[in-house]
Amino acid sequence: MIQKNKWAWAWVPSLYFTQGLPYVMVVTVSVIMYKKLGISNADIGLYTSWLYLPWVIKPLWSPFLDLIGTKRNWFLLMQLLVSLSFLAIGFTLPTNIFFITTLACFWMAAFASATNDIASDGYYMIGLTEEKQSFF
């Protein structure tokens, strides 16, 4: 039998922080950033609404993650991809085509963040007993 983690308070809060931070960056900060950069409200509403899609399709995407690789590998890979996406946003802002490139980077960050959520929740389920799962 797998030994369940005894030090849940050491990793569960940070795990959920890593789930929430990219979501806020993609969903909220993108809208504020585009507004401050002079993009019209209609364009912001139309294009940033597509950024929610990765979180909507999580139930369809999650079975494939269980088939390929471990949850820890998915978590680490998606954290790297989220970081690279945000770094790319910073580098593409001064360009003439910033709107398209930053939208693509935000979408990549959204997809990686949603995938990270799936892997994190799976790791949480494996790493804790039912009693500790209900505590958090």
Protein backbone atom coordinates (compact mmCIF):
# COMPACT_ATOMS: atom_id res chain seq x y z
CA MET A 1 0.00 0.00 0.00
CA ILE A 2 1.18 3.54 -0.76
CA GLN A 3 2.24 5.49 2.30
CA LYS A 4 0.14 8.63 2.49
CA ASN A 5 1.89 11.93 3.08
CA LYS A 6 2.01 12.95 6.74
CA TRP A 7 3.04 16.56 6.07
CA ALA A 8 0.09 17.78 4.04
CA TRP A 9 0.23 21.29 5.50
CA ALA A 10 3.67 21.66 3.95
CA TRP A 11 2.56 21.18 0.35
CA VAL A 12 -1.23 21.38 -0.09
CA PRO A 13 -1.57 25.18 0.38
CA SER A 14 1.26 25.89 -2.04
CA LEU A 15 -0.23 23.41 -4.49
CA TYR A 16 -3.51 25.31 -4.58
CA PHE A 17 -1.67 28.63 -4.79
CA THR A 18 0.08 27.36 -7.93
CA GLN A 19 -3.34 26.51 -9.33
CA GLY A 20 -4.92 29.87 -8.60
CA LEU A 21 -2.19 32.31 -9.55
CA PRO A 22 -2.03 31.51 -13.29
CA TYR A 23 -5.83 31.53 -13.46
CA VAL A 24 -5.96 35.05 -12.04
CA MET A 25 -3.18 36.18 -14.34
CA VAL A 26 -4.87 34.83 -17.44
CA VAL A 27 -8.46 35.75 -16.66
CA THR A 28 -8.11 39.06 -14.82
CA VAL A 29 -4.73 40.57 -15.58
CA SER A 30 -5.11 40.01 -19.32
CA VAL A 31 -8.30 42.09 -19.40
CA ILE A 32 -6.76 44.90 -17.34
CA MET A 33 -3.60 44.85 -19.43
CA TYR A 34 -5.45 45.03 -22.75
CA LYS A 35 -7.66 47.86 -21.49
CA LYS A 36 -4.61 49.87 -20.43
CA LEU A 37 -3.02 49.20 -23.82
CA GLY A 38 -6.01 50.75 -25.59
CA ILE A 39 -7.78 47.67 -26.95
CA SER A 40 -11.53 48.18 -27.42
CA ASN A 41 -13.97 46.62 -24.98
CA ALA A 42 -15.55 44.59 -27.78
CA ASP A 43 -12.22 43.05 -28.76
CA ILE A 44 -11.28 42.40 -25.15
CA GLY A 45 -14.61 40.69 -24.49
CA LEU A 46 -14.50 38.62 -27.65
CA TYR A 47 -10.92 37.43 -27.52
CA THR A 48 -10.35 37.03 -23.80
CA SER A 49 -13.54 34.99 -23.43
CA TRP A 50 -11.74 32.23 -25.34
CA LEU A 51 -9.16 32.09 -22.57
CA TYR A 52 -11.70 30.30 -20.34
CA LEU A 53 -11.94 27.35 -22.72
CA PRO A 54 -9.10 25.23 -21.24
CA TRP A 55 -10.77 25.22 -17.83
CA VAL A 56 -14.11 24.33 -19.41
CA ILE A 57 -12.72 21.28 -21.21
CA LYS A 58 -10.80 19.94 -18.21
CA PRO A 59 -13.22 17.02 -17.73
CA LEU A 60 -12.63 15.94 -21.33
CA TRP A 61 -8.86 16.38 -21.15
CA SER A 62 -8.19 14.77 -17.77
CA PRO A 63 -8.53 11.08 -18.79
CA PHE A 64 -5.70 11.50 -21.28
CA LEU A 65 -3.35 12.79 -18.59
CA ASP A 66 -3.83 9.60 -16.61
CA LEU A 67 -2.74 7.56 -19.61
CA ILE A 68 0.41 9.52 -20.39
CA GLY A 69 3.10 10.13 -17.78
CA THR A 70 2.90 10.73 -14.06
CA LYS A 71 1.05 13.50 -12.29
CA ARG A 72 4.30 14.89 -10.92
CA ASN A 73 5.82 15.11 -14.39
CA TRP A 74 2.72 16.82 -15.76
CA PHE A 75 2.77 19.27 -12.85
CA LEU A 76 6.42 20.20 -13.38
CA LEU A 77 6.10 20.43 -17.16
CA MET A 78 3.01 22.64 -16.96
CA GLN A 79 4.63 24.92 -14.37
CA LEU A 80 7.52 25.39 -16.77
CA LEU A 81 5.14 26.07 -19.66
CA VAL A 82 3.16 28.63 -17.63
CA SER A 83 6.39 30.39 -16.69
CA LEU A 84 7.63 30.44 -20.27
CA SER A 85 4.27 31.75 -21.48
CA PHE A 86 4.35 34.67 -19.06
CA LEU A 87 7.95 35.37 -19.98
CA ALA A 88 6.98 35.40 -23.66
CA ILE A 89 4.16 37.85 -22.91
CA GLY A 90 6.70 40.23 -21.43
CA PHE A 91 8.94 39.96 -24.47
CA THR A 92 6.16 40.38 -27.04
CA LEU A 93 4.45 43.42 -25.50
CA PRO A 94 6.75 45.98 -27.18
CA THR A 95 6.13 44.55 -30.67
CA ASN A 96 3.66 45.80 -33.27
CA ILE A 97 1.70 42.55 -33.17
CA PHE A 98 1.49 42.38 -29.38
CA PHE A 99 -2.26 41.69 -29.27
CA ILE A 100 -2.11 38.46 -31.28
CA THR A 101 1.11 37.21 -29.73
CA THR A 102 0.10 37.94 -26.15
CA LEU A 103 -3.29 36.31 -26.73
CA ALA A 104 -1.52 33.19 -27.98
CA CYS A 105 0.76 33.24 -24.94
CA PHE A 106 -2.17 33.77 -22.57
CA TRP A 107 -3.99 30.87 -24.22
CA MET A 108 -0.92 28.65 -23.82
CA ALA A 109 -0.68 29.69 -20.17
CA ALA A 110 -4.39 28.93 -19.73
CA PHE A 111 -4.03 25.48 -21.27
CA ALA A 112 -0.96 24.72 -19.16
CA SER A 113 -2.66 26.04 -16.03
CA ALA A 114 -5.78 23.93 -16.59
CA THR A 115 -3.60 20.87 -17.19
CA ASN A 116 -1.65 21.72 -14.05
CA ASP A 117 -4.95 21.83 -12.13
CA ILE A 118 -5.77 18.31 -13.30
CA ALA A 119 -2.34 16.97 -12.35
CA SER A 120 -2.39 18.77 -8.99
CA ASP A 121 -5.80 17.42 -8.06
CA GLY A 122 -4.74 13.92 -9.06
CA TYR A 123 -1.58 14.18 -7.00
CA TYR A 124 -3.64 15.47 -4.09
CA MET A 125 -5.96 12.46 -4.32
CA ILE A 126 -3.04 10.03 -4.40
CA GLY A 127 -0.98 11.74 -1.72
CA LEU A 128 -3.60 12.09 1.01
CA THR A 129 -5.90 9.75 2.87
CA GLU A 130 -9.65 10.33 2.57
CA GLU A 131 -9.69 11.85 6.04
CA LYS A 132 -7.00 14.39 5.15
CA GLN A 133 -8.61 15.09 1.79
CA SER A 134 -11.80 16.15 3.52
CA PHE A 135 -9.82 18.40 5.86
CA PHE A 136 -8.62 20.55 2.99
